[in-house]
N, C-alpha and C. Protein backbone atom coordinates (compact mmCIF):
# COMPACT_ATOMS: atom_id res chain seq x y z
N UNK A 1 -6.61 4.04 26.63
CA UNK A 1 -5.69 3.14 25.98
C UNK A 1 -4.48 2.95 26.89
N UNK A 2 -4.16 1.71 27.17
CA UNK A 2 -3.02 1.39 28.03
C UNK A 2 -1.97 0.65 27.21
N UNK A 3 -0.71 0.91 27.51
CA UNK A 3 0.39 0.23 26.83
C UNK A 3 1.09 -0.67 27.84
N UNK A 4 1.33 -1.90 27.44
CA UNK A 4 2.00 -2.88 28.28
C UNK A 4 3.27 -3.36 27.58
N UNK A 5 4.35 -3.51 28.34
CA UNK A 5 5.57 -4.09 27.82
C UNK A 5 5.55 -5.58 28.10
N UNK A 6 5.92 -6.37 27.11
CA UNK A 6 5.96 -7.83 27.24
C UNK A 6 7.41 -8.25 27.43
N UNK A 7 7.65 -9.03 28.47
CA UNK A 7 8.99 -9.52 28.79
C UNK A 7 9.00 -11.04 28.73
N UNK A 8 10.13 -11.59 28.41
CA UNK A 8 10.36 -13.03 28.52
C UNK A 8 11.31 -13.22 29.70
N UNK A 9 10.86 -13.91 30.71
CA UNK A 9 11.68 -14.16 31.89
C UNK A 9 12.34 -15.52 31.75
N UNK A 10 13.64 -15.53 31.70
CA UNK A 10 14.42 -16.77 31.56
C UNK A 10 14.84 -17.23 32.95
N UNK A 11 14.31 -18.37 33.37
CA UNK A 11 14.56 -18.88 34.72
C UNK A 11 16.00 -19.36 34.92
N UNK A 12 16.61 -19.88 33.88
CA UNK A 12 17.97 -20.40 34.04
C UNK A 12 18.98 -19.27 34.25
N UNK A 13 18.80 -18.16 33.52
CA UNK A 13 19.73 -17.04 33.67
C UNK A 13 19.21 -15.96 34.62
N UNK A 14 17.95 -16.09 35.06
CA UNK A 14 17.30 -15.11 35.94
C UNK A 14 17.33 -13.71 35.33
N UNK A 15 16.94 -13.63 34.05
CA UNK A 15 16.97 -12.37 33.30
C UNK A 15 15.59 -12.11 32.70
N UNK A 16 15.16 -10.86 32.75
CA UNK A 16 13.90 -10.43 32.13
C UNK A 16 14.25 -9.60 30.90
N UNK A 17 13.90 -10.11 29.71
CA UNK A 17 14.24 -9.45 28.45
C UNK A 17 12.97 -8.90 27.80
N UNK A 18 12.94 -7.63 27.40
CA UNK A 18 11.77 -7.10 26.70
C UNK A 18 11.68 -7.70 25.30
N UNK A 19 10.50 -8.16 24.90
CA UNK A 19 10.32 -8.76 23.58
C UNK A 19 9.31 -8.00 22.73
N UNK A 20 8.52 -7.09 23.33
CA UNK A 20 7.55 -6.34 22.55
C UNK A 20 6.61 -5.54 23.43
N UNK A 21 5.58 -4.97 22.80
CA UNK A 21 4.58 -4.17 23.51
C UNK A 21 3.19 -4.58 23.04
N UNK A 22 2.21 -4.43 23.93
CA UNK A 22 0.80 -4.64 23.63
C UNK A 22 0.04 -3.36 23.96
N UNK A 23 -0.95 -3.04 23.15
CA UNK A 23 -1.79 -1.88 23.41
C UNK A 23 -3.20 -2.39 23.68
N UNK A 24 -3.73 -2.03 24.84
CA UNK A 24 -5.11 -2.40 25.19
C UNK A 24 -6.01 -1.26 24.75
N UNK A 25 -6.93 -1.55 23.84
CA UNK A 25 -7.79 -0.51 23.30
C UNK A 25 -9.21 -0.55 23.85
N UNK A 26 -9.46 -1.39 24.82
CA UNK A 26 -10.80 -1.47 25.42
C UNK A 26 -11.06 -0.21 26.23
N UNK A 27 -12.27 0.30 26.11
CA UNK A 27 -12.61 1.52 26.84
C UNK A 27 -13.07 1.24 28.27
N UNK A 28 -13.69 0.07 28.48
CA UNK A 28 -14.19 -0.28 29.81
C UNK A 28 -13.39 -1.45 30.36
N UNK A 29 -13.32 -1.51 31.67
CA UNK A 29 -12.70 -2.66 32.32
C UNK A 29 -13.66 -3.83 32.22
N UNK A 30 -13.12 -4.97 31.89
CA UNK A 30 -13.90 -6.19 31.85
C UNK A 30 -13.34 -7.15 32.87
N UNK A 31 -13.97 -8.27 32.99
CA UNK A 31 -13.59 -9.21 34.05
C UNK A 31 -12.20 -9.79 33.84
N UNK A 32 -11.81 -10.10 32.60
CA UNK A 32 -10.56 -10.81 32.35
C UNK A 32 -9.57 -10.02 31.50
N UNK A 33 -9.52 -8.71 31.63
CA UNK A 33 -8.63 -7.91 30.78
C UNK A 33 -7.19 -8.38 30.83
N UNK A 34 -6.63 -8.50 32.02
CA UNK A 34 -5.22 -8.86 32.16
C UNK A 34 -4.98 -10.30 31.70
N UNK A 35 -5.89 -11.20 32.05
CA UNK A 35 -5.75 -12.59 31.61
C UNK A 35 -5.79 -12.70 30.10
N UNK A 36 -6.70 -11.95 29.47
CA UNK A 36 -6.81 -11.97 28.01
C UNK A 36 -5.56 -11.40 27.35
N UNK A 37 -5.02 -10.31 27.92
CA UNK A 37 -3.79 -9.74 27.37
C UNK A 37 -2.61 -10.69 27.52
N UNK A 38 -2.53 -11.38 28.63
CA UNK A 38 -1.45 -12.34 28.84
C UNK A 38 -1.57 -13.50 27.84
N UNK A 39 -2.79 -13.99 27.62
CA UNK A 39 -3.00 -15.04 26.63
C UNK A 39 -2.61 -14.58 25.23
N UNK A 40 -2.97 -13.33 24.88
CA UNK A 40 -2.60 -12.78 23.59
C UNK A 40 -1.08 -12.65 23.46
N UNK A 41 -0.42 -12.18 24.51
CA UNK A 41 1.04 -12.04 24.49
C UNK A 41 1.70 -13.40 24.33
N UNK A 42 1.15 -14.43 24.95
CA UNK A 42 1.73 -15.77 24.83
C UNK A 42 1.55 -16.31 23.42
N UNK A 43 0.47 -15.94 22.72
CA UNK A 43 0.27 -16.37 21.35
C UNK A 43 1.21 -15.64 20.40
N UNK A 44 1.35 -14.32 20.60
CA UNK A 44 2.16 -13.51 19.69
C UNK A 44 3.65 -13.76 19.89
N UNK A 45 4.10 -13.75 21.14
CA UNK A 45 5.51 -13.89 21.46
C UNK A 45 5.79 -15.29 21.97
N UNK A 46 5.63 -16.27 21.10
CA UNK A 46 5.81 -17.68 21.47
C UNK A 46 7.26 -17.93 21.87
N UNK A 47 7.44 -18.64 22.95
CA UNK A 47 8.78 -19.00 23.41
C UNK A 47 9.03 -20.48 23.13
N UNK A 48 10.22 -20.77 22.66
CA UNK A 48 10.54 -22.17 22.36
C UNK A 48 11.20 -22.87 23.54
N UNK A 49 11.59 -22.11 24.54
CA UNK A 49 12.29 -22.67 25.68
C UNK A 49 11.29 -23.01 26.79
N UNK A 50 11.49 -24.15 27.42
CA UNK A 50 10.65 -24.51 28.56
C UNK A 50 11.08 -23.78 29.83
N UNK A 51 12.27 -23.17 29.80
CA UNK A 51 12.80 -22.48 30.97
C UNK A 51 12.51 -20.99 30.95
N UNK A 52 11.54 -20.54 30.15
CA UNK A 52 11.21 -19.12 30.13
C UNK A 52 9.70 -18.95 30.25
N UNK A 53 9.29 -17.73 30.58
CA UNK A 53 7.90 -17.42 30.87
C UNK A 53 7.61 -16.02 30.36
N UNK A 54 6.39 -15.76 29.86
CA UNK A 54 6.00 -14.43 29.38
C UNK A 54 5.39 -13.65 30.54
N UNK A 55 5.81 -12.38 30.69
CA UNK A 55 5.33 -11.48 31.75
C UNK A 55 4.95 -10.16 31.10
N UNK A 56 3.83 -9.53 31.53
CA UNK A 56 3.48 -8.20 31.03
C UNK A 56 3.43 -7.23 32.18
N UNK A 57 3.86 -5.98 31.92
CA UNK A 57 3.79 -4.91 32.92
C UNK A 57 3.27 -3.65 32.25
N UNK A 58 2.56 -2.83 32.99
CA UNK A 58 2.02 -1.59 32.47
C UNK A 58 3.12 -0.55 32.36
N UNK A 59 3.13 0.20 31.25
CA UNK A 59 4.11 1.27 31.07
C UNK A 59 3.66 2.57 31.73
N UNK A 60 2.40 2.66 32.07
CA UNK A 60 1.86 3.88 32.65
C UNK A 60 2.13 3.92 34.14
N UNK A 61 2.60 5.06 34.67
CA UNK A 61 2.83 5.15 36.12
C UNK A 61 1.52 5.04 36.89
N UNK A 62 1.60 4.56 38.11
CA UNK A 62 0.40 4.33 38.94
C UNK A 62 -0.34 5.62 39.27
N UNK A 63 0.38 6.72 39.45
CA UNK A 63 -0.25 7.99 39.83
C UNK A 63 -0.35 8.91 38.62
N UNK A 64 -0.83 8.39 37.49
CA UNK A 64 -0.97 9.15 36.27
C UNK A 64 -2.07 10.18 36.42
N UNK A 65 -1.95 11.28 35.70
CA UNK A 65 -2.94 12.35 35.78
C UNK A 65 -4.29 11.91 35.24
N UNK A 66 -4.33 10.96 34.32
CA UNK A 66 -5.59 10.48 33.76
C UNK A 66 -6.38 9.64 34.75
N UNK A 67 -5.74 9.13 35.80
CA UNK A 67 -6.45 8.32 36.80
C UNK A 67 -7.15 9.17 37.85
N UNK A 68 -6.76 10.43 37.96
CA UNK A 68 -7.35 11.29 38.98
C UNK A 68 -8.69 11.84 38.50
N UNK A 69 -9.67 11.97 39.43
CA UNK A 69 -11.00 12.47 39.03
C UNK A 69 -10.99 13.92 38.65
């Protein structure tokens, strides 16, 4: 299970604001995991401004103990 933070990036102010979190519960990697999560985040955290964009980042560090064999 991976946790992602969802940010709204405002281009006019050049600010990244956290708006929520997504939890990926898929056990296996699929072809479009990140694309599907981004699409879901865009549906859930709808932005009314044309000058902003939804961005997701993983909360888990890259060298996590669960990634090691």
